[in-house]
C-alpha cells in the first residue's frame, strides 16, 4: 500500500491470468489555469439561450412563500 500511495501500480493475477490492477487514486484539487484553458479550448460552444430554455423547462421558476399554506 505504501508503494501504491507513492505512485506505483500493480497488476493482480490469478493462476497467471490478469484479473485486475491496483493503481493510486489521482486526487488533484488544483488545476493550473493554463491546463484549464487548454481543456476548455476544445469544448463545444454553449448557446446561452438554449441553456436558459433547458433550465426553464426543468426547474420550478415560481417564487412562492414556503410558509403560505
N, C-alpha and C. Protein backbone atom coordinates (compact mmCIF):
# COMPACT_ATOMS: atom_id res chain seq x y z
N UNK A 1 0.82 -1.19 0.00
CA UNK A 1 0.00 0.00 0.00
C UNK A 1 0.87 1.26 0.00
N UNK A 2 2.02 1.19 0.67
CA UNK A 2 2.92 2.35 0.65
C UNK A 2 3.39 2.64 -0.76
N UNK A 3 3.68 1.58 -1.53
CA UNK A 3 4.14 1.76 -2.90
C UNK A 3 3.05 2.37 -3.77
N UNK A 4 1.81 1.91 -3.58
CA UNK A 4 0.69 2.47 -4.35
C UNK A 4 0.50 3.94 -3.98
N UNK A 5 0.58 4.23 -2.69
CA UNK A 5 0.46 5.62 -2.26
C UNK A 5 1.57 6.46 -2.86
N UNK A 6 2.74 5.85 -3.08
CA UNK A 6 3.86 6.55 -3.67
C UNK A 6 3.78 6.67 -5.18
N UNK A 7 2.72 6.10 -5.79
CA UNK A 7 2.53 6.26 -7.23
C UNK A 7 2.72 5.02 -8.06
N UNK A 8 3.09 3.92 -7.44
CA UNK A 8 3.35 2.69 -8.19
C UNK A 8 2.05 1.92 -8.42
N UNK A 9 1.92 1.28 -9.60
CA UNK A 9 0.75 0.48 -9.95
C UNK A 9 1.14 -0.99 -10.01
N UNK A 10 0.20 -1.87 -9.71
CA UNK A 10 0.44 -3.30 -9.71
C UNK A 10 -0.66 -4.01 -10.49
N UNK A 11 -0.27 -5.10 -11.19
CA UNK A 11 -1.23 -5.95 -11.87
C UNK A 11 -1.51 -7.14 -10.96
N UNK A 12 -2.78 -7.44 -10.76
CA UNK A 12 -3.20 -8.56 -9.91
C UNK A 12 -3.47 -9.74 -10.83
N UNK A 13 -2.89 -10.90 -10.50
CA UNK A 13 -3.09 -12.10 -11.32
C UNK A 13 -3.61 -13.25 -10.47
N UNK A 14 -4.26 -14.20 -11.14
CA UNK A 14 -4.67 -15.46 -10.52
C UNK A 14 -4.33 -16.56 -11.50
N UNK A 15 -3.52 -17.48 -11.05
CA UNK A 15 -3.07 -18.60 -11.91
C UNK A 15 -2.46 -18.08 -13.21
N UNK A 16 -1.73 -16.97 -13.13
CA UNK A 16 -1.05 -16.41 -14.29
C UNK A 16 -1.91 -15.56 -15.19
N UNK A 17 -3.18 -15.38 -14.86
CA UNK A 17 -4.09 -14.58 -15.67
C UNK A 17 -4.35 -13.24 -14.98
N UNK A 18 -4.27 -12.19 -15.76
CA UNK A 18 -4.54 -10.86 -15.21
C UNK A 18 -6.01 -10.72 -14.85
N UNK A 19 -6.27 -10.30 -13.62
CA UNK A 19 -7.66 -10.14 -13.20
C UNK A 19 -7.96 -8.72 -12.70
N UNK A 20 -6.94 -7.91 -12.53
CA UNK A 20 -7.19 -6.56 -12.06
C UNK A 20 -5.92 -5.74 -11.95
N UNK A 21 -6.11 -4.51 -11.56
CA UNK A 21 -4.99 -3.60 -11.36
C UNK A 21 -5.19 -2.84 -10.06
N UNK A 22 -4.10 -2.61 -9.38
CA UNK A 22 -4.10 -1.80 -8.18
C UNK A 22 -3.33 -0.53 -8.52
N UNK A 23 -4.05 0.57 -8.60
CA UNK A 23 -3.44 1.83 -9.04
C UNK A 23 -3.74 2.93 -8.02
N UNK A 24 -2.85 3.91 -7.92
CA UNK A 24 -3.12 5.02 -7.00
C UNK A 24 -4.26 5.89 -7.52
N UNK A 25 -5.03 6.44 -6.58
CA UNK A 25 -6.06 7.39 -6.95
C UNK A 25 -5.42 8.70 -7.32
N UNK A 26 -5.97 9.34 -8.31
CA UNK A 26 -5.45 10.65 -8.71
C UNK A 26 -6.35 11.70 -8.08
N UNK A 27 -5.88 12.31 -7.04
CA UNK A 27 -6.68 13.30 -6.32
C UNK A 27 -6.03 14.66 -6.42
N UNK A 28 -6.32 15.32 -7.50
CA UNK A 28 -5.83 16.68 -7.65
C UNK A 28 -6.93 17.63 -7.24
N UNK A 29 -6.60 18.56 -6.42
CA UNK A 29 -7.59 19.54 -6.00
C UNK A 29 -7.42 20.84 -6.78
N UNK A 30 -6.27 21.03 -7.39
CA UNK A 30 -5.98 22.28 -8.08
C UNK A 30 -5.61 21.98 -9.52
N UNK A 31 -6.24 22.65 -10.45
CA UNK A 31 -5.88 22.54 -11.87
C UNK A 31 -5.30 23.88 -12.27
N UNK A 32 -4.06 23.89 -12.76
CA UNK A 32 -3.47 25.16 -13.17
C UNK A 32 -4.30 25.84 -14.25
N UNK A 33 -4.30 27.15 -14.23
CA UNK A 33 -5.08 27.94 -15.18
C UNK A 33 -4.77 27.57 -16.62
N UNK A 34 -3.49 27.37 -16.92
CA UNK A 34 -3.10 27.04 -18.30
C UNK A 34 -3.68 25.70 -18.73
N UNK A 35 -3.74 24.73 -17.82
CA UNK A 35 -4.31 23.43 -18.16
C UNK A 35 -5.83 23.54 -18.36
N UNK A 36 -6.49 24.31 -17.50
CA UNK A 36 -7.94 24.51 -17.66
C UNK A 36 -8.24 25.19 -18.99
N UNK A 37 -7.44 26.19 -19.33
CA UNK A 37 -7.65 26.91 -20.60
C UNK A 37 -7.45 25.98 -21.78
N UNK A 38 -6.45 25.10 -21.71
CA UNK A 38 -6.20 24.16 -22.80
C UNK A 38 -7.36 23.18 -22.94
N UNK A 39 -7.91 22.70 -21.83
CA UNK A 39 -9.04 21.77 -21.88
C UNK A 39 -10.29 22.47 -22.41
N UNK A 40 -10.44 23.74 -22.08
CA UNK A 40 -11.63 24.48 -22.47
C UNK A 40 -11.64 24.84 -23.95
N UNK A 41 -10.49 24.93 -24.56
CA UNK A 41 -10.43 25.30 -25.98
C UNK A 41 -11.17 24.32 -26.86
N UNK A 42 -11.16 23.04 -26.49
CA UNK A 42 -11.81 22.02 -27.30
C UNK A 42 -13.27 21.80 -26.94
N UNK A 43 -13.79 22.54 -25.97
CA UNK A 43 -15.18 22.36 -25.55
C UNK A 43 -16.13 22.95 -26.60
N UNK A 44 -17.29 22.33 -26.76
CA UNK A 44 -18.25 22.88 -27.72
C UNK A 44 -18.77 24.23 -27.25
N UNK A 45 -19.16 25.04 -28.20
CA UNK A 45 -19.69 26.36 -27.87
C UNK A 45 -21.07 26.21 -27.22
N UNK A 46 -21.33 27.02 -26.24
CA UNK A 46 -22.58 26.94 -25.49
C UNK A 46 -23.53 28.03 -25.93
N UNK A 47 -24.76 27.63 -26.21
CA UNK A 47 -25.80 28.59 -26.55
C UNK A 47 -26.48 28.99 -25.25
N UNK A 48 -26.33 30.25 -24.85
CA UNK A 48 -26.94 30.70 -23.61
C UNK A 48 -28.46 30.65 -23.66
N UNK A 49 -29.04 30.91 -24.82
CA UNK A 49 -30.49 30.83 -24.96
C UNK A 49 -30.99 29.40 -24.78
N UNK A 50 -30.29 28.44 -25.37
CA UNK A 50 -30.68 27.04 -25.22
C UNK A 50 -30.48 26.58 -23.78
N UNK A 51 -29.41 27.02 -23.15
CA UNK A 51 -29.15 26.68 -21.75
C UNK A 51 -30.28 27.20 -20.86
N UNK A 52 -30.66 28.44 -21.06
CA UNK A 52 -31.73 29.02 -20.26
C UNK A 52 -33.06 28.32 -20.52
N UNK A 53 -33.32 27.95 -21.76
CA UNK A 53 -34.55 27.23 -22.09
C UNK A 53 -34.58 25.87 -21.39
N UNK A 54 -33.45 25.19 -21.34
CA UNK A 54 -33.37 23.91 -20.62
C UNK A 54 -33.65 24.11 -19.14
N UNK A 55 -33.08 25.17 -18.57
CA UNK A 55 -33.33 25.45 -17.15
C UNK A 55 -34.81 25.73 -16.91
N UNK A 56 -35.40 26.55 -17.74
CA UNK A 56 -36.80 26.89 -17.57
C UNK A 56 -37.71 25.67 -17.71
N UNK A 57 -37.31 24.74 -18.58
CA UNK A 57 -38.14 23.56 -18.81
C UNK A 57 -38.05 22.56 -17.66
N UNK A 58 -36.97 22.56 -16.91
CA UNK A 58 -36.79 21.54 -15.89
C UNK A 58 -36.90 22.05 -14.46
N UNK A 59 -36.73 23.34 -14.23
CA UNK A 59 -36.74 23.87 -12.87
C UNK A 59 -38.01 24.66 -12.61
N UNK A 60 -38.46 24.58 -11.38
CA UNK A 60 -39.62 25.37 -10.97
C UNK A 60 -39.16 26.81 -10.77
N UNK A 61 -39.63 27.69 -11.64
CA UNK A 61 -39.19 29.08 -11.60
C UNK A 61 -40.13 29.98 -10.79
N UNK A 62 -41.16 29.38 -10.22
CA UNK A 62 -42.14 30.14 -9.45
C UNK A 62 -41.60 30.48 -8.08
N UNK A 63 -41.70 31.74 -7.70
CA UNK A 63 -41.34 32.16 -6.36
C UNK A 63 -42.58 32.03 -5.49
N UNK A 64 -42.45 31.27 -4.43
CA UNK A 64 -43.60 31.11 -3.55
C UNK A 64 -43.12 31.14 -2.11
N UNK A 65 -44.03 31.46 -1.24
CA UNK A 65 -43.73 31.51 0.19
C UNK A 65 -43.87 30.10 0.76
N UNK A 66 -42.81 29.51 1.27
CA UNK A 66 -42.92 28.14 1.78
C UNK A 66 -43.82 28.03 3.01
N UNK A 67 -44.14 29.16 3.64
CA UNK A 67 -44.98 29.14 4.83
C UNK A 67 -46.44 29.43 4.51
N UNK A 68 -46.70 29.75 3.24
CA UNK A 68 -48.07 30.02 2.81
C UNK A 68 -48.77 28.70 2.54
N UNK A 69 -49.78 28.36 3.37
CA UNK A 69 -50.47 27.07 3.19
C UNK A 69 -51.91 27.28 2.93
